[in-house]
Amino acid sequence: MTKNDIMEEEKVRAIIWDELRKAFGVNVASNPDIEFLNTSEIAKILGYKNTRPIYALIESGVLRIGQEVQDRRSPGSQKADYYFNKNACLKRLNTPPEKRAN
């Protein structure tokens, strides 16, 4: 098992725990620091009235898929199904633009 495999397994576990928590209303997580929110929820937390600015942050590369954002769309689906790591998003947005690494 390589380091990449371990990282992928951790991401999968985080997604599964998040979905179980939502489905059953249980506040159980393998990592309590990770809280995934859908686009509407993260927009409210970040102070936006709608989701358009969130999509603009993704398109501009400020929020990165695979880092702060998960794309959970079904295979073959054209419509995005984004979930956001709340703390990772806040950390990224609180980092000055000149210090953000892509």
N, C-alpha and C. Protein backbone atom coordinates (compact mmCIF):
# COMPACT_ATOMS: atom_id res chain seq x y z
N MET A 1 0.85 -1.17 0.00
CA MET A 1 0.00 0.00 0.00
C MET A 1 0.90 1.24 0.00
N THR A 2 0.67 2.13 -0.94
CA THR A 2 1.48 3.34 -1.05
C THR A 2 0.85 4.48 -0.26
N LYS A 3 1.60 5.56 -0.13
CA LYS A 3 1.11 6.75 0.57
C LYS A 3 -0.14 7.30 -0.13
N ASN A 4 -0.16 7.25 -1.47
CA ASN A 4 -1.32 7.70 -2.24
C ASN A 4 -2.56 6.87 -1.92
N ASP A 5 -2.37 5.55 -1.80
CA ASP A 5 -3.48 4.66 -1.47
C ASP A 5 -4.06 5.00 -0.10
N ILE A 6 -3.18 5.30 0.84
CA ILE A 6 -3.63 5.65 2.19
C ILE A 6 -4.42 6.95 2.16
N MET A 7 -3.95 7.94 1.39
CA MET A 7 -4.67 9.21 1.29
C MET A 7 -6.04 9.01 0.65
N GLU A 8 -6.10 8.20 -0.38
CA GLU A 8 -7.37 7.93 -1.04
C GLU A 8 -8.32 7.23 -0.07
N GLU A 9 -7.80 6.28 0.69
CA GLU A 9 -8.64 5.57 1.65
C GLU A 9 -9.16 6.53 2.71
N GLU A 10 -8.34 7.46 3.16
CA GLU A 10 -8.78 8.44 4.15
C GLU A 10 -9.89 9.32 3.60
N LYS A 11 -9.77 9.72 2.34
CA LYS A 11 -10.81 10.55 1.71
C LYS A 11 -12.12 9.77 1.62
N VAL A 12 -12.04 8.52 1.21
CA VAL A 12 -13.23 7.68 1.08
C VAL A 12 -13.89 7.50 2.45
N ARG A 13 -13.08 7.23 3.46
CA ARG A 13 -13.62 7.07 4.81
C ARG A 13 -14.31 8.35 5.29
N ALA A 14 -13.71 9.50 5.02
CA ALA A 14 -14.31 10.78 5.42
C ALA A 14 -15.66 10.98 4.75
N ILE A 15 -15.76 10.64 3.48
CA ILE A 15 -17.02 10.78 2.75
C ILE A 15 -18.08 9.85 3.33
N ILE A 16 -17.69 8.60 3.57
CA ILE A 16 -18.64 7.62 4.10
C ILE A 16 -19.15 8.05 5.47
N TRP A 17 -18.24 8.46 6.37
CA TRP A 17 -18.65 8.89 7.71
C TRP A 17 -19.57 10.10 7.63
N ASP A 18 -19.27 11.04 6.74
CA ASP A 18 -20.10 12.22 6.59
C ASP A 18 -21.50 11.85 6.12
N GLU A 19 -21.58 10.95 5.15
CA GLU A 19 -22.88 10.52 4.64
C GLU A 19 -23.67 9.75 5.70
N LEU A 20 -23.01 8.90 6.47
CA LEU A 20 -23.69 8.17 7.55
C LEU A 20 -24.22 9.14 8.61
N ARG A 21 -23.40 10.12 8.94
CA ARG A 21 -23.82 11.12 9.93
C ARG A 21 -25.07 11.85 9.46
N LYS A 22 -25.07 12.23 8.20
CA LYS A 22 -26.24 12.94 7.65
C LYS A 22 -27.46 12.02 7.56
N ALA A 23 -27.26 10.79 7.11
CA ALA A 23 -28.37 9.87 6.91
C ALA A 23 -29.06 9.49 8.21
N PHE A 24 -28.27 9.29 9.24
CA PHE A 24 -28.83 8.79 10.50
C PHE A 24 -28.86 9.84 11.61
N GLY A 25 -28.44 11.05 11.29
CA GLY A 25 -28.47 12.11 12.29
C GLY A 25 -27.53 11.86 13.46
N VAL A 26 -26.48 11.12 13.20
CA VAL A 26 -25.51 10.80 14.25
C VAL A 26 -24.29 11.68 14.06
N ASN A 27 -23.77 12.20 15.14
CA ASN A 27 -22.60 13.05 15.05
C ASN A 27 -21.35 12.22 15.34
N VAL A 28 -21.07 11.28 14.43
CA VAL A 28 -19.90 10.42 14.55
C VAL A 28 -19.01 10.70 13.36
N ALA A 29 -17.73 10.91 13.63
CA ALA A 29 -16.80 11.16 12.54
C ALA A 29 -15.44 10.57 12.87
N SER A 30 -14.76 10.09 11.86
CA SER A 30 -13.42 9.57 12.08
C SER A 30 -12.46 10.70 12.39
N ASN A 31 -12.75 11.87 11.89
CA ASN A 31 -11.95 13.06 12.16
C ASN A 31 -12.92 14.19 12.46
N PRO A 32 -13.07 14.57 13.73
CA PRO A 32 -14.05 15.58 14.08
C PRO A 32 -13.75 16.96 13.49
N ASP A 33 -12.53 17.17 12.98
CA ASP A 33 -12.18 18.45 12.39
C ASP A 33 -12.72 18.60 10.97
N ILE A 34 -13.15 17.49 10.37
CA ILE A 34 -13.65 17.55 9.00
C ILE A 34 -15.17 17.58 9.02
N GLU A 35 -15.71 18.65 8.47
CA GLU A 35 -17.16 18.78 8.35
C GLU A 35 -17.45 19.17 6.90
N PHE A 36 -18.13 18.30 6.18
CA PHE A 36 -18.46 18.58 4.79
C PHE A 36 -19.85 19.20 4.69
N LEU A 37 -19.94 20.26 3.91
CA LEU A 37 -21.19 20.99 3.72
C LEU A 37 -21.49 21.07 2.23
N ASN A 38 -22.78 21.08 1.90
CA ASN A 38 -23.14 21.24 0.48
C ASN A 38 -22.98 22.71 0.09
N THR A 39 -23.20 23.01 -1.17
CA THR A 39 -22.94 24.34 -1.70
C THR A 39 -23.77 25.41 -1.01
N SER A 40 -25.04 25.14 -0.75
CA SER A 40 -25.90 26.13 -0.09
C SER A 40 -25.43 26.41 1.34
N GLU A 41 -25.05 25.35 2.05
CA GLU A 41 -24.61 25.51 3.44
C GLU A 41 -23.31 26.30 3.53
N ILE A 42 -22.35 26.00 2.65
CA ILE A 42 -21.07 26.71 2.71
C ILE A 42 -21.25 28.16 2.29
N ALA A 43 -22.15 28.42 1.35
CA ALA A 43 -22.42 29.80 0.94
C ALA A 43 -22.90 30.63 2.13
N LYS A 44 -23.82 30.08 2.91
CA LYS A 44 -24.33 30.78 4.09
C LYS A 44 -23.22 31.03 5.10
N ILE A 45 -22.40 30.02 5.34
CA ILE A 45 -21.31 30.14 6.32
C ILE A 45 -20.31 31.21 5.90
N LEU A 46 -20.06 31.29 4.60
CA LEU A 46 -19.10 32.27 4.09
C LEU A 46 -19.72 33.65 3.89
N GLY A 47 -21.01 33.77 4.14
CA GLY A 47 -21.66 35.07 4.09
C GLY A 47 -22.23 35.47 2.73
N TYR A 48 -22.43 34.51 1.85
CA TYR A 48 -23.00 34.81 0.54
C TYR A 48 -24.50 34.57 0.56
N LYS A 49 -25.24 35.37 -0.20
CA LYS A 49 -26.69 35.23 -0.26
C LYS A 49 -27.13 34.11 -1.19
N ASN A 50 -26.27 33.76 -2.16
CA ASN A 50 -26.58 32.65 -3.06
C ASN A 50 -25.30 31.87 -3.36
N THR A 51 -25.41 30.86 -4.20
CA THR A 51 -24.27 29.98 -4.44
C THR A 51 -23.35 30.42 -5.59
N ARG A 52 -23.77 31.42 -6.37
CA ARG A 52 -22.95 31.84 -7.51
C ARG A 52 -21.50 32.18 -7.15
N PRO A 53 -21.26 32.92 -6.07
CA PRO A 53 -19.86 33.22 -5.73
C PRO A 53 -19.05 31.97 -5.37
N ILE A 54 -19.70 30.96 -4.85
CA ILE A 54 -19.00 29.72 -4.52
C ILE A 54 -18.50 29.05 -5.80
N TYR A 55 -19.37 28.99 -6.81
CA TYR A 55 -18.96 28.42 -8.08
C TYR A 55 -17.83 29.24 -8.71
N ALA A 56 -17.87 30.55 -8.54
CA ALA A 56 -16.81 31.41 -9.07
C ALA A 56 -15.48 31.13 -8.37
N LEU A 57 -15.52 30.84 -7.07
CA LEU A 57 -14.30 30.51 -6.34
C LEU A 57 -13.69 29.20 -6.85
N ILE A 58 -14.54 28.25 -7.22
CA ILE A 58 -14.04 26.98 -7.78
C ILE A 58 -13.46 27.22 -9.18
N GLU A 59 -14.21 27.94 -10.02
CA GLU A 59 -13.76 28.18 -11.39
C GLU A 59 -12.45 28.97 -11.45
N SER A 60 -12.25 29.87 -10.49
CA SER A 60 -11.02 30.68 -10.48
C SER A 60 -9.84 29.95 -9.84
N GLY A 61 -10.10 28.79 -9.22
CA GLY A 61 -9.03 28.02 -8.61
C GLY A 61 -8.74 28.38 -7.17
N VAL A 62 -9.52 29.29 -6.60
CA VAL A 62 -9.32 29.64 -5.19
C VAL A 62 -9.65 28.43 -4.33
N LEU A 63 -10.81 27.82 -4.56
CA LEU A 63 -11.17 26.56 -3.90
C LEU A 63 -10.92 25.45 -4.91
N ARG A 64 -10.18 24.43 -4.50
CA ARG A 64 -9.72 23.41 -5.43
C ARG A 64 -10.44 22.08 -5.20
N ILE A 65 -10.88 21.49 -6.31
CA ILE A 65 -11.49 20.16 -6.24
C ILE A 65 -10.38 19.17 -5.88
N GLY A 66 -10.66 18.34 -4.90
CA GLY A 66 -9.67 17.39 -4.42
C GLY A 66 -8.91 17.91 -3.21
N GLN A 67 -9.07 19.18 -2.91
CA GLN A 67 -8.42 19.75 -1.73
C GLN A 67 -9.50 20.24 -0.76
N GLU A 68 -10.09 21.39 -1.06
CA GLU A 68 -11.14 21.94 -0.20
C GLU A 68 -12.52 21.46 -0.63
N VAL A 69 -12.63 21.00 -1.86
CA VAL A 69 -13.92 20.66 -2.47
C VAL A 69 -13.90 19.21 -2.95
N GLN A 70 -15.02 18.52 -2.71
CA GLN A 70 -15.21 17.18 -3.28
C GLN A 70 -16.31 17.26 -4.32
N ASP A 71 -16.09 16.62 -5.46
CA ASP A 71 -17.11 16.53 -6.49
C ASP A 71 -17.69 15.12 -6.42
N ARG A 72 -18.89 15.00 -5.89
CA ARG A 72 -19.51 13.69 -5.66
C ARG A 72 -20.53 13.32 -6.72
N ARG A 73 -20.43 13.91 -7.90
CA ARG A 73 -21.41 13.61 -8.94
C ARG A 73 -21.30 12.16 -9.38
N SER A 74 -22.40 11.62 -9.86
CA SER A 74 -22.43 10.26 -10.38
C SER A 74 -21.65 10.18 -11.67
N PRO A 75 -21.09 9.02 -11.99
CA PRO A 75 -20.39 8.87 -13.26
C PRO A 75 -21.33 9.20 -14.42
N GLY A 76 -20.85 10.00 -15.34
CA GLY A 76 -21.64 10.38 -16.51
C GLY A 76 -22.53 11.60 -16.28
N SER A 77 -22.65 12.05 -15.04
CA SER A 77 -23.48 13.21 -14.74
C SER A 77 -22.75 14.49 -15.14
N GLN A 78 -23.48 15.43 -15.71
CA GLN A 78 -22.87 16.70 -16.09
C GLN A 78 -23.06 17.75 -15.00
N LYS A 79 -24.02 17.53 -14.13
CA LYS A 79 -24.28 18.50 -13.06
C LYS A 79 -23.40 18.17 -11.86
N ALA A 80 -22.66 19.17 -11.40
CA ALA A 80 -21.75 18.98 -10.26
C ALA A 80 -22.53 18.77 -8.98
N ASP A 81 -21.95 17.99 -8.09
CA ASP A 81 -22.50 17.75 -6.75
C ASP A 81 -21.34 17.99 -5.78
N TYR A 82 -21.12 19.27 -5.44
CA TYR A 82 -19.97 19.66 -4.65
C TYR A 82 -20.26 19.60 -3.16
N TYR A 83 -19.25 19.15 -2.41
CA TYR A 83 -19.26 19.20 -0.95
C TYR A 83 -17.96 19.84 -0.51
N PHE A 84 -18.03 20.66 0.52
CA PHE A 84 -16.92 21.50 0.92
C PHE A 84 -16.46 21.16 2.33
N ASN A 85 -15.16 21.00 2.50
CA ASN A 85 -14.55 20.83 3.82
C ASN A 85 -14.52 22.23 4.44
N LYS A 86 -15.39 22.45 5.40
CA LYS A 86 -15.58 23.78 5.97
C LYS A 86 -14.26 24.39 6.46
N ASN A 87 -13.52 23.66 7.29
CA ASN A 87 -12.28 24.22 7.85
C ASN A 87 -11.22 24.46 6.78
N ALA A 88 -11.13 23.56 5.80
CA ALA A 88 -10.15 23.73 4.72
C ALA A 88 -10.50 24.96 3.88
N CYS A 89 -11.79 25.18 3.64
CA CYS A 89 -12.22 26.36 2.87
C CYS A 89 -11.87 27.65 3.63
N LEU A 90 -12.19 27.66 4.92
CA LEU A 90 -11.91 28.85 5.71
C LEU A 90 -10.40 29.13 5.77
N LYS A 91 -9.61 28.09 5.92
CA LYS A 91 -8.16 28.25 5.96
C LYS A 91 -7.66 28.81 4.63
N ARG A 92 -8.14 28.25 3.53
CA ARG A 92 -7.70 28.69 2.20
C ARG A 92 -8.11 30.14 1.94
N LEU A 93 -9.33 30.49 2.31
CA LEU A 93 -9.81 31.86 2.06
C LEU A 93 -9.14 32.88 2.99
N ASN A 94 -8.66 32.43 4.15
CA ASN A 94 -7.97 33.33 5.08
C ASN A 94 -6.48 33.46 4.78
N THR A 95 -6.01 32.72 3.78
CA THR A 95 -4.61 32.81 3.35
C THR A 95 -4.53 33.92 2.30
N PRO A 96 -3.58 34.84 2.43
CA PRO A 96 -3.45 35.90 1.42
C PRO A 96 -3.25 35.31 0.02
N PRO A 97 -3.85 35.91 -1.00
CA PRO A 97 -3.76 35.37 -2.36
C PRO A 97 -2.34 35.10 -2.83
N GLU A 98 -1.40 35.96 -2.47
CA GLU A 98 -0.02 35.76 -2.92
C GLU A 98 0.67 34.57 -2.26
N LYS A 99 0.09 34.07 -1.18
CA LYS A 99 0.68 32.93 -0.47
C LYS A 99 -0.04 31.61 -0.76
N ARG A 100 -1.11 31.65 -1.54
CA ARG A 100 -1.85 30.42 -1.87
C ARG A 100 -1.09 29.63 -2.93
N ALA A 101 -0.79 28.39 -2.60
CA ALA A 101 -0.16 27.51 -3.58
C ALA A 101 -1.26 26.76 -4.30
N ASN A 102 -1.11 26.55 -5.58
CA ASN A 102 -2.11 25.79 -6.33
C ASN A 102 -1.79 24.38 -6.18
